[in-house]
Amino acid sequence: MTDLPTTAPKAHVSESDASGDRENLAYRIGAPLLNRMAIGRKLSLGFGILVLLTILGAIWNYVSSTAAMAGINVADEVRVPTALTAIRAEANLLRVQADVRGYLALSSDEYLQDQQRDARALQNDLNELTVLSAQLSPEDQQRLKRVRELYDQFAADLPTLFELHDDELEREQAHAIVAN
C-alpha cells in the first residue's frame, strides 16, 4: 500500500452559501477566467492593475495639488496685499489720531504737519483698499465701506477741532470729539 497524504474532509457547505458565492458576479466571471490563465498572465494582470492604481493615484494627487495651489494663489494675490494695506491704513489712522491729540494738547505745528502727511498716507491706503475690495467678500466690502464712512466723518470734524483749539473754553469740546 502506498502512503497517500490524507486530506481533512470538507466541511459541509450549505446549498444557500454555495449558491450565494456563485451568484456573486465577480466570482461567476472572474473565477473561470482566472482558472484558465497561466501563472505568468495572472502575474502580468496583477502588475498591470498595480500600475493602473499608481497612475490613478498620481492623477488624483495632481488634481488635488492644483486645487491647493489655486487656494494659495488667491491668498497670495488677494488676501496678503489686502491685509498689508489694511494694516498700513490702521497704522496711519492711529498716527493721525495721535497727531491731532498732540496738536490739541501742545499746539505744536509739527503735529499739524505730521497729521496732514499721515492723513494723505491714510487716504492713499483707503483708495488702494477700495481698488482691492472688488476681490473681497461682501462682508469685507461692507467693513471697508464703514471704515471709510467713519474716517470721512472724522476728517470732516478736523477743521472744527482745529478752530476750537484756539479757544481755551471751547477746547474741551474738541477733546470730547477726538475721544469719540
N, C-alpha and C. Protein backbone atom coordinates (compact mmCIF):
# COMPACT_ATOMS: atom_id res chain seq x y z
N MET A 1 0.81 -1.17 0.00
CA MET A 1 0.00 0.00 0.00
C MET A 1 0.86 1.25 0.00
N THR A 2 0.32 2.22 -0.58
CA THR A 2 1.04 3.48 -0.67
C THR A 2 0.51 4.43 0.39
N ASP A 3 1.43 5.19 0.86
CA ASP A 3 1.03 6.18 1.86
C ASP A 3 0.68 7.48 1.15
N LEU A 4 -0.54 7.72 0.97
CA LEU A 4 -1.01 8.96 0.37
C LEU A 4 -1.39 9.92 1.47
N PRO A 5 -1.06 11.17 1.28
CA PRO A 5 -1.48 12.12 2.31
C PRO A 5 -2.99 12.20 2.34
N THR A 6 -3.46 12.25 3.51
CA THR A 6 -4.91 12.34 3.66
C THR A 6 -5.28 13.79 3.84
N THR A 7 -6.36 14.13 3.29
CA THR A 7 -6.86 15.50 3.44
C THR A 7 -8.04 15.44 4.37
N ALA A 8 -8.18 16.53 5.07
CA ALA A 8 -9.30 16.60 6.00
C ALA A 8 -10.58 16.64 5.19
N PRO A 9 -11.59 15.98 5.68
CA PRO A 9 -12.84 16.02 4.95
C PRO A 9 -13.37 17.44 4.92
N LYS A 10 -13.96 17.81 3.81
CA LYS A 10 -14.50 19.14 3.64
C LYS A 10 -15.72 19.31 4.53
N ALA A 11 -15.75 20.50 5.12
CA ALA A 11 -16.92 20.79 5.94
C ALA A 11 -18.11 20.91 5.02
N HIS A 12 -19.22 20.52 5.55
CA HIS A 12 -20.43 20.57 4.74
C HIS A 12 -20.82 22.03 4.51
N VAL A 13 -20.94 22.42 3.26
CA VAL A 13 -21.33 23.77 2.89
C VAL A 13 -22.79 23.71 2.51
N SER A 14 -23.53 24.57 3.12
CA SER A 14 -24.95 24.56 2.80
C SER A 14 -25.17 25.01 1.38
N GLU A 15 -26.25 24.61 0.83
CA GLU A 15 -26.58 24.92 -0.55
C GLU A 15 -26.75 26.42 -0.74
N SER A 16 -27.28 27.12 0.26
CA SER A 16 -27.52 28.56 0.12
C SER A 16 -26.21 29.33 0.10
N ASP A 17 -25.17 28.89 0.91
CA ASP A 17 -23.88 29.57 0.90
C ASP A 17 -23.18 29.38 -0.44
N ALA A 18 -23.21 28.18 -0.94
CA ALA A 18 -22.56 27.90 -2.21
C ALA A 18 -23.24 28.65 -3.34
N SER A 19 -24.54 28.70 -3.33
CA SER A 19 -25.23 29.42 -4.39
C SER A 19 -25.02 30.92 -4.25
N GLY A 20 -24.84 31.40 -3.01
CA GLY A 20 -24.57 32.84 -2.79
C GLY A 20 -23.25 33.23 -3.40
N ASP A 21 -22.23 32.37 -3.25
CA ASP A 21 -20.93 32.65 -3.86
C ASP A 21 -21.03 32.62 -5.37
N ARG A 22 -21.77 31.66 -5.85
CA ARG A 22 -21.88 31.52 -7.31
C ARG A 22 -22.72 32.65 -7.90
N GLU A 23 -23.57 33.21 -7.10
CA GLU A 23 -24.39 34.31 -7.58
C GLU A 23 -23.56 35.60 -7.71
N ASN A 24 -22.49 35.65 -6.96
CA ASN A 24 -21.63 36.81 -6.97
C ASN A 24 -21.04 37.00 -8.37
N LEU A 25 -21.22 38.18 -8.93
CA LEU A 25 -20.81 38.45 -10.30
C LEU A 25 -19.31 38.28 -10.49
N ALA A 26 -18.55 38.81 -9.54
CA ALA A 26 -17.10 38.69 -9.66
C ALA A 26 -16.68 37.23 -9.65
N TYR A 27 -17.31 36.44 -8.84
CA TYR A 27 -16.98 35.02 -8.78
C TYR A 27 -17.37 34.32 -10.07
N ARG A 28 -18.54 34.64 -10.58
CA ARG A 28 -19.02 33.97 -11.78
C ARG A 28 -18.17 34.30 -13.00
N ILE A 29 -17.70 35.54 -13.07
CA ILE A 29 -16.93 35.94 -14.25
C ILE A 29 -15.44 35.73 -14.01
N GLY A 30 -14.95 36.18 -12.85
CA GLY A 30 -13.52 36.17 -12.60
C GLY A 30 -12.93 34.81 -12.36
N ALA A 31 -13.59 33.97 -11.60
CA ALA A 31 -13.01 32.68 -11.26
C ALA A 31 -12.75 31.82 -12.49
N PRO A 32 -13.70 31.62 -13.39
CA PRO A 32 -13.39 30.81 -14.56
C PRO A 32 -12.30 31.44 -15.43
N LEU A 33 -12.29 32.75 -15.52
CA LEU A 33 -11.28 33.42 -16.33
C LEU A 33 -9.90 33.23 -15.73
N LEU A 34 -9.80 33.45 -14.41
CA LEU A 34 -8.50 33.30 -13.75
C LEU A 34 -8.05 31.84 -13.72
N ASN A 35 -8.98 30.91 -13.61
CA ASN A 35 -8.61 29.50 -13.58
C ASN A 35 -8.00 29.05 -14.90
N ARG A 36 -8.41 29.63 -15.99
CA ARG A 36 -7.89 29.23 -17.29
C ARG A 36 -6.56 29.90 -17.63
N MET A 37 -6.19 30.96 -16.87
CA MET A 37 -4.98 31.72 -17.20
C MET A 37 -3.74 31.03 -16.61
N ALA A 38 -2.66 31.18 -17.32
CA ALA A 38 -1.37 30.69 -16.82
C ALA A 38 -0.88 31.65 -15.74
N ILE A 39 0.03 31.17 -14.91
CA ILE A 39 0.53 31.96 -13.79
C ILE A 39 1.23 33.24 -14.28
N GLY A 40 1.92 33.18 -15.39
CA GLY A 40 2.59 34.36 -15.94
C GLY A 40 1.59 35.44 -16.32
N ARG A 41 0.49 35.04 -16.92
CA ARG A 41 -0.55 36.01 -17.29
C ARG A 41 -1.21 36.60 -16.03
N LYS A 42 -1.41 35.76 -15.02
CA LYS A 42 -2.01 36.26 -13.77
C LYS A 42 -1.10 37.30 -13.12
N LEU A 43 0.21 37.03 -13.11
CA LEU A 43 1.16 37.99 -12.55
C LEU A 43 1.18 39.28 -13.37
N SER A 44 1.14 39.16 -14.68
CA SER A 44 1.10 40.35 -15.54
C SER A 44 -0.17 41.17 -15.30
N LEU A 45 -1.29 40.48 -15.14
CA LEU A 45 -2.55 41.16 -14.86
C LEU A 45 -2.48 41.90 -13.52
N GLY A 46 -1.94 41.22 -12.52
CA GLY A 46 -1.80 41.85 -11.20
C GLY A 46 -0.88 43.06 -11.26
N PHE A 47 0.23 42.91 -11.97
CA PHE A 47 1.16 44.03 -12.12
C PHE A 47 0.49 45.18 -12.89
N GLY A 48 -0.26 44.87 -13.91
CA GLY A 48 -0.97 45.89 -14.68
C GLY A 48 -1.97 46.64 -13.82
N ILE A 49 -2.67 45.93 -12.94
CA ILE A 49 -3.63 46.58 -12.04
C ILE A 49 -2.90 47.50 -11.08
N LEU A 50 -1.74 47.08 -10.57
CA LEU A 50 -0.95 47.95 -9.68
C LEU A 50 -0.48 49.20 -10.41
N VAL A 51 -0.04 49.04 -11.65
CA VAL A 51 0.39 50.20 -12.43
C VAL A 51 -0.78 51.15 -12.65
N LEU A 52 -1.94 50.59 -12.98
CA LEU A 52 -3.13 51.42 -13.19
C LEU A 52 -3.50 52.18 -11.91
N LEU A 53 -3.45 51.51 -10.77
CA LEU A 53 -3.76 52.17 -9.49
C LEU A 53 -2.74 53.26 -9.17
N THR A 54 -1.48 53.00 -9.50
CA THR A 54 -0.44 54.01 -9.28
C THR A 54 -0.69 55.24 -10.15
N ILE A 55 -1.04 55.02 -11.40
CA ILE A 55 -1.33 56.14 -12.30
C ILE A 55 -2.55 56.92 -11.82
N LEU A 56 -3.59 56.22 -11.39
CA LEU A 56 -4.78 56.90 -10.86
C LEU A 56 -4.43 57.71 -9.61
N GLY A 57 -3.57 57.16 -8.75
CA GLY A 57 -3.13 57.91 -7.56
C GLY A 57 -2.36 59.16 -7.93
N ALA A 58 -1.51 59.05 -8.94
CA ALA A 58 -0.75 60.22 -9.40
C ALA A 58 -1.68 61.29 -9.97
N ILE A 59 -2.66 60.86 -10.73
CA ILE A 59 -3.63 61.82 -11.30
C ILE A 59 -4.40 62.50 -10.18
N TRP A 60 -4.85 61.71 -9.21
CA TRP A 60 -5.59 62.28 -8.07
C TRP A 60 -4.71 63.30 -7.34
N ASN A 61 -3.46 62.96 -7.12
CA ASN A 61 -2.52 63.86 -6.44
C ASN A 61 -2.35 65.15 -7.23
N TYR A 62 -2.22 65.06 -8.54
CA TYR A 62 -2.06 66.25 -9.38
C TYR A 62 -3.28 67.15 -9.30
N VAL A 63 -4.46 66.57 -9.38
CA VAL A 63 -5.69 67.36 -9.32
C VAL A 63 -5.82 68.03 -7.95
N SER A 64 -5.51 67.30 -6.89
CA SER A 64 -5.60 67.87 -5.55
C SER A 64 -4.58 68.99 -5.35
N SER A 65 -3.37 68.79 -5.84
CA SER A 65 -2.35 69.83 -5.67
C SER A 65 -2.70 71.06 -6.51
N THR A 66 -3.34 70.87 -7.65
CA THR A 66 -3.76 72.01 -8.46
C THR A 66 -4.80 72.84 -7.71
N ALA A 67 -5.74 72.17 -7.07
CA ALA A 67 -6.75 72.88 -6.28
C ALA A 67 -6.11 73.61 -5.11
N ALA A 68 -5.14 72.98 -4.46
CA ALA A 68 -4.45 73.61 -3.34
C ALA A 68 -3.67 74.84 -3.82
N MET A 69 -3.02 74.71 -4.96
CA MET A 69 -2.26 75.84 -5.50
C MET A 69 -3.18 77.01 -5.86
N ALA A 70 -4.38 76.70 -6.32
CA ALA A 70 -5.34 77.78 -6.62
C ALA A 70 -5.68 78.54 -5.35
N GLY A 71 -5.89 77.81 -4.26
CA GLY A 71 -6.17 78.47 -2.98
C GLY A 71 -4.99 79.29 -2.49
N ILE A 72 -3.79 78.78 -2.67
CA ILE A 72 -2.59 79.52 -2.27
C ILE A 72 -2.44 80.77 -3.12
N ASN A 73 -2.71 80.67 -4.41
CA ASN A 73 -2.60 81.83 -5.29
C ASN A 73 -3.60 82.91 -4.92
N VAL A 74 -4.81 82.51 -4.52
CA VAL A 74 -5.80 83.51 -4.08
C VAL A 74 -5.28 84.23 -2.84
N ALA A 75 -4.73 83.48 -1.91
CA ALA A 75 -4.18 84.10 -0.71
C ALA A 75 -3.02 85.02 -1.07
N ASP A 76 -2.20 84.59 -1.98
CA ASP A 76 -1.02 85.37 -2.36
C ASP A 76 -1.38 86.63 -3.14
N GLU A 77 -2.38 86.54 -4.00
CA GLU A 77 -2.71 87.66 -4.87
C GLU A 77 -3.76 88.61 -4.29
N VAL A 78 -4.61 88.11 -3.39
CA VAL A 78 -5.70 88.94 -2.89
C VAL A 78 -5.56 89.22 -1.40
N ARG A 79 -5.50 88.17 -0.63
CA ARG A 79 -5.58 88.35 0.83
C ARG A 79 -4.35 89.03 1.42
N VAL A 80 -3.16 88.62 0.99
CA VAL A 80 -1.95 89.19 1.57
C VAL A 80 -1.82 90.68 1.24
N PRO A 81 -1.95 91.10 -0.02
CA PRO A 81 -1.85 92.55 -0.28
C PRO A 81 -2.94 93.35 0.44
N THR A 82 -4.14 92.78 0.53
CA THR A 82 -5.22 93.47 1.21
C THR A 82 -4.92 93.60 2.70
N ALA A 83 -4.44 92.52 3.29
CA ALA A 83 -4.12 92.56 4.72
C ALA A 83 -2.99 93.56 5.00
N LEU A 84 -1.96 93.56 4.16
CA LEU A 84 -0.86 94.50 4.36
C LEU A 84 -1.32 95.95 4.22
N THR A 85 -2.15 96.21 3.24
CA THR A 85 -2.67 97.57 3.05
C THR A 85 -3.57 97.97 4.22
N ALA A 86 -4.38 97.03 4.70
CA ALA A 86 -5.25 97.33 5.83
C ALA A 86 -4.44 97.62 7.10
N ILE A 87 -3.36 96.87 7.30
CA ILE A 87 -2.50 97.12 8.47
C ILE A 87 -1.83 98.48 8.35
N ARG A 88 -1.36 98.80 7.16
CA ARG A 88 -0.74 100.10 6.93
C ARG A 88 -1.75 101.23 7.15
N ALA A 89 -2.99 101.04 6.69
CA ALA A 89 -4.03 102.05 6.88
C ALA A 89 -4.34 102.23 8.37
N GLU A 90 -4.41 101.13 9.09
CA GLU A 90 -4.67 101.22 10.53
C GLU A 90 -3.55 101.98 11.24
N ALA A 91 -2.31 101.69 10.88
CA ALA A 91 -1.18 102.40 11.49
C ALA A 91 -1.25 103.89 11.17
N ASN A 92 -1.59 104.23 9.93
CA ASN A 92 -1.71 105.64 9.56
C ASN A 92 -2.86 106.32 10.30
N LEU A 93 -3.96 105.60 10.48
CA LEU A 93 -5.08 106.17 11.23
C LEU A 93 -4.68 106.46 12.68
N LEU A 94 -3.96 105.53 13.28
CA LEU A 94 -3.50 105.75 14.66
C LEU A 94 -2.53 106.94 14.73
N ARG A 95 -1.69 107.08 13.71
CA ARG A 95 -0.78 108.23 13.68
C ARG A 95 -1.56 109.54 13.54
N VAL A 96 -2.59 109.55 12.68
CA VAL A 96 -3.41 110.76 12.51
C VAL A 96 -4.05 111.13 13.83
N GLN A 97 -4.63 110.15 14.51
CA GLN A 97 -5.26 110.43 15.80
C GLN A 97 -4.25 110.95 16.83
N ALA A 98 -3.07 110.34 16.85
CA ALA A 98 -2.03 110.80 17.79
C ALA A 98 -1.56 112.21 17.44
N ASP A 99 -1.45 112.49 16.16
CA ASP A 99 -1.02 113.84 15.74
C ASP A 99 -2.07 114.89 16.12
N VAL A 100 -3.34 114.57 15.93
CA VAL A 100 -4.41 115.52 16.30
C VAL A 100 -4.39 115.75 17.81
N ARG A 101 -4.29 114.70 18.56
CA ARG A 101 -4.25 114.85 20.03
C ARG A 101 -3.01 115.63 20.45
N GLY A 102 -1.87 115.35 19.81
CA GLY A 102 -0.66 116.09 20.14
C GLY A 102 -0.80 117.57 19.81
N TYR A 103 -1.40 117.88 18.68
CA TYR A 103 -1.60 119.29 18.30
C TYR A 103 -2.55 119.97 19.27
N LEU A 104 -3.65 119.29 19.61
CA LEU A 104 -4.61 119.90 20.52
C LEU A 104 -4.02 120.10 21.91
N ALA A 105 -3.16 119.19 22.34
CA ALA A 105 -2.60 119.29 23.68
C ALA A 105 -1.42 120.26 23.74
N LEU A 106 -0.56 120.26 22.72
CA LEU A 106 0.68 121.02 22.81
C LEU A 106 0.75 122.22 21.87
N SER A 107 -0.18 122.34 20.95
CA SER A 107 -0.23 123.45 19.99
C SER A 107 1.03 123.54 19.13
N SER A 108 1.66 122.42 18.85
CA SER A 108 2.87 122.42 18.05
C SER A 108 2.50 122.21 16.58
N ASP A 109 3.03 123.10 15.73
CA ASP A 109 2.76 122.98 14.29
C ASP A 109 3.36 121.69 13.71
N GLU A 110 4.36 121.15 14.38
CA GLU A 110 4.96 119.89 13.93
C GLU A 110 3.89 118.78 13.91
N TYR A 111 3.04 118.76 14.93
CA TYR A 111 1.97 117.75 14.97
C TYR A 111 0.96 117.99 13.84
N LEU A 112 0.70 119.24 13.54
CA LEU A 112 -0.25 119.56 12.46
C LEU A 112 0.31 119.10 11.11
N GLN A 113 1.60 119.33 10.86
CA GLN A 113 2.22 118.88 9.62
C GLN A 113 2.24 117.34 9.54
N ASP A 114 2.55 116.72 10.66
CA ASP A 114 2.55 115.25 10.70
C ASP A 114 1.15 114.71 10.43
N GLN A 115 0.16 115.38 10.98
CA GLN A 115 -1.23 114.94 10.78
C GLN A 115 -1.60 115.02 9.31
N GLN A 116 -1.22 116.08 8.65
CA GLN A 116 -1.54 116.23 7.23
C GLN A 116 -0.82 115.17 6.38
N ARG A 117 0.43 114.91 6.70
CA ARG A 117 1.19 113.87 5.97
C ARG A 117 0.56 112.50 6.20
N ASP A 118 0.23 112.18 7.46
CA ASP A 118 -0.35 110.87 7.78
C ASP A 118 -1.76 110.73 7.22
N ALA A 119 -2.51 111.84 7.14
CA ALA A 119 -3.85 111.79 6.57
C ALA A 119 -3.78 111.48 5.07
N ARG A 120 -2.78 112.06 4.38
CA ARG A 120 -2.60 111.74 2.95
C ARG A 120 -2.24 110.26 2.77
N ALA A 121 -1.36 109.76 3.62
CA ALA A 121 -0.97 108.34 3.53
C ALA A 121 -2.18 107.45 3.81
N LEU A 122 -2.99 107.82 4.79
CA LEU A 122 -4.19 107.05 5.10
C LEU A 122 -5.17 107.08 3.93
N GLN A 123 -5.34 108.25 3.33
CA GLN A 123 -6.24 108.36 2.18
C GLN A 123 -5.76 107.48 1.02
N ASN A 124 -4.46 107.45 0.80
CA ASN A 124 -3.90 106.58 -0.25
C ASN A 124 -4.17 105.11 0.06
N ASP A 125 -4.00 104.74 1.33
CA ASP A 125 -4.25 103.34 1.72
C ASP A 125 -5.73 102.99 1.54
N LEU A 126 -6.61 103.90 1.91
CA LEU A 126 -8.05 103.64 1.74
C LEU A 126 -8.40 103.52 0.25
N ASN A 127 -7.78 104.34 -0.58
CA ASN A 127 -8.02 104.24 -2.03
C ASN A 127 -7.52 102.90 -2.57
N GLU A 128 -6.35 102.47 -2.09
CA GLU A 128 -5.82 101.17 -2.52
C GLU A 128 -6.73 100.03 -2.06
N LEU A 129 -7.24 100.13 -0.83
CA LEU A 129 -8.17 99.12 -0.34
C LEU A 129 -9.45 99.10 -1.16
N THR A 130 -9.90 100.26 -1.60
CA THR A 130 -11.10 100.32 -2.44
C THR A 130 -10.87 99.59 -3.75
N VAL A 131 -9.68 99.75 -4.33
CA VAL A 131 -9.35 99.03 -5.57
C VAL A 131 -9.32 97.53 -5.31
N LEU A 132 -8.71 97.12 -4.21
CA LEU A 132 -8.60 95.69 -3.88
C LEU A 132 -9.93 95.09 -3.43
N SER A 133 -10.88 95.94 -3.03
CA SER A 133 -12.13 95.43 -2.46
C SER A 133 -13.00 94.70 -3.48
N ALA A 134 -12.74 94.88 -4.76
CA ALA A 134 -13.53 94.17 -5.76
C ALA A 134 -13.35 92.66 -5.63
N GLN A 135 -12.22 92.23 -5.07
CA GLN A 135 -11.94 90.81 -4.93
C GLN A 135 -12.28 90.29 -3.53
N LEU A 136 -12.80 91.14 -2.68
CA LEU A 136 -13.11 90.74 -1.31
C LEU A 136 -14.53 90.21 -1.20
N SER A 137 -14.80 89.58 -0.07
CA SER A 137 -16.15 89.08 0.18
C SER A 137 -17.08 90.26 0.46
N PRO A 138 -18.38 90.07 0.32
CA PRO A 138 -19.32 91.17 0.58
C PRO A 138 -19.22 91.71 2.02
N GLU A 139 -18.95 90.83 2.98
CA GLU A 139 -18.82 91.28 4.37
C GLU A 139 -17.62 92.21 4.52
N ASP A 140 -16.50 91.84 3.89
CA ASP A 140 -15.31 92.68 3.97
C ASP A 140 -15.51 94.00 3.23
N GLN A 141 -16.26 93.97 2.14
CA GLN A 141 -16.56 95.21 1.43
C GLN A 141 -17.41 96.13 2.31
N GLN A 142 -18.35 95.57 3.05
CA GLN A 142 -19.17 96.37 3.97
C GLN A 142 -18.31 96.98 5.07
N ARG A 143 -17.38 96.19 5.60
CA ARG A 143 -16.48 96.71 6.65
C ARG A 143 -15.65 97.87 6.12
N LEU A 144 -15.12 97.72 4.92
CA LEU A 144 -14.32 98.80 4.33
C LEU A 144 -15.17 100.05 4.12
N LYS A 145 -16.39 99.86 3.66
CA LYS A 145 -17.30 100.99 3.47
C LYS A 145 -17.55 101.71 4.79
N ARG A 146 -17.74 100.93 5.86
CA ARG A 146 -17.99 101.52 7.19
C ARG A 146 -16.75 102.26 7.69
N VAL A 147 -15.56 101.70 7.47
CA VAL A 147 -14.32 102.36 7.89
C VAL A 147 -14.17 103.68 7.14
N ARG A 148 -14.44 103.66 5.84
CA ARG A 148 -14.33 104.89 5.05
C ARG A 148 -15.32 105.95 5.54
N GLU A 149 -16.55 105.54 5.85
CA GLU A 149 -17.55 106.49 6.36
C GLU A 149 -17.08 107.11 7.68
N LEU A 150 -16.56 106.27 8.57
CA LEU A 150 -16.08 106.78 9.86
C LEU A 150 -14.90 107.73 9.69
N TYR A 151 -13.98 107.36 8.79
CA TYR A 151 -12.85 108.26 8.56
C TYR A 151 -13.30 109.57 7.93
N ASP A 152 -14.21 109.50 6.97
CA ASP A 152 -14.70 110.73 6.34
C ASP A 152 -15.37 111.64 7.38
N GLN A 153 -16.10 111.05 8.30
CA GLN A 153 -16.72 111.84 9.37
C GLN A 153 -15.64 112.46 10.26
N PHE A 154 -14.61 111.68 10.60
CA PHE A 154 -13.51 112.19 11.41
C PHE A 154 -12.79 113.32 10.67
N ALA A 155 -12.52 113.12 9.36
CA ALA A 155 -11.82 114.15 8.59
C ALA A 155 -12.65 115.42 8.48
N ALA A 156 -13.97 115.25 8.42
CA ALA A 156 -14.84 116.43 8.35
C ALA A 156 -14.83 117.20 9.67
N ASP A 157 -14.61 116.51 10.78
CA ASP A 157 -14.58 117.16 12.10
C ASP A 157 -13.24 117.85 12.38
N LEU A 158 -12.19 117.53 11.62
CA LEU A 158 -10.87 118.09 11.91
C LEU A 158 -10.82 119.62 11.84
N PRO A 159 -11.38 120.27 10.82
CA PRO A 159 -11.33 121.74 10.82
C PRO A 159 -12.01 122.34 12.06
N THR A 160 -13.11 121.73 12.48
CA THR A 160 -13.78 122.21 13.68
C THR A 160 -12.88 122.04 14.90
N LEU A 161 -12.20 120.92 14.97
CA LEU A 161 -11.29 120.68 16.09
C LEU A 161 -10.18 121.73 16.12
N PHE A 162 -9.64 122.04 14.96
CA PHE A 162 -8.54 122.99 14.92
C PHE A 162 -9.02 124.41 15.23
N GLU A 163 -10.25 124.73 14.84
CA GLU A 163 -10.81 126.04 15.19
C GLU A 163 -11.04 126.12 16.69
N LEU A 164 -11.54 125.06 17.28
CA LEU A 164 -11.79 125.05 18.72
C LEU A 164 -10.49 125.08 19.52
N HIS A 165 -9.42 124.68 18.90
CA HIS A 165 -8.15 124.61 19.61
C HIS A 165 -7.71 125.97 20.12
N ASP A 166 -7.98 127.03 19.36
CA ASP A 166 -7.52 128.35 19.73
C ASP A 166 -8.33 128.96 20.87
N ASP A 167 -9.52 128.47 21.12
CA ASP A 167 -10.38 129.00 22.19
C ASP A 167 -10.28 128.05 23.38
N GLU A 168 -9.69 128.54 24.48
CA GLU A 168 -9.45 127.67 25.63
C GLU A 168 -10.74 127.13 26.23
N LEU A 169 -11.80 127.93 26.23
CA LEU A 169 -13.06 127.47 26.81
C LEU A 169 -13.71 126.38 25.94
N GLU A 170 -13.56 126.51 24.66
CA GLU A 170 -14.15 125.55 23.73
C GLU A 170 -13.25 124.33 23.48
N ARG A 171 -12.00 124.42 23.92
CA ARG A 171 -11.05 123.34 23.66
C ARG A 171 -11.51 122.00 24.23
N GLU A 172 -12.20 122.04 25.34
CA GLU A 172 -12.67 120.79 25.96
C GLU A 172 -13.64 120.05 25.04
N GLN A 173 -14.42 120.77 24.29
CA GLN A 173 -15.31 120.12 23.31
C GLN A 173 -14.48 119.38 22.25
N ALA A 174 -13.37 119.99 21.88
CA ALA A 174 -12.51 119.36 20.88
C ALA A 174 -11.97 118.04 21.43
N HIS A 175 -11.58 118.02 22.67
CA HIS A 175 -11.08 116.78 23.28
C HIS A 175 -12.18 115.73 23.33
N ALA A 176 -13.41 116.15 23.58
CA ALA A 176 -14.53 115.20 23.60
C ALA A 176 -14.78 114.62 22.22
N ILE A 177 -14.66 115.43 21.16
CA ILE A 177 -14.85 114.93 19.80
C ILE A 177 -13.75 113.93 19.45
N VAL A 178 -12.50 114.25 19.80
CA VAL A 178 -11.37 113.36 19.49
C VAL A 178 -11.52 112.04 20.24
N ALA A 179 -12.00 112.10 21.46
CA ALA A 179 -12.13 110.89 22.28
C ALA A 179 -13.16 109.92 21.70
N ASN A 180 -14.12 110.46 20.96
CA ASN A 180 -15.13 109.58 20.37
C ASN A 180 -14.68 109.14 19.02
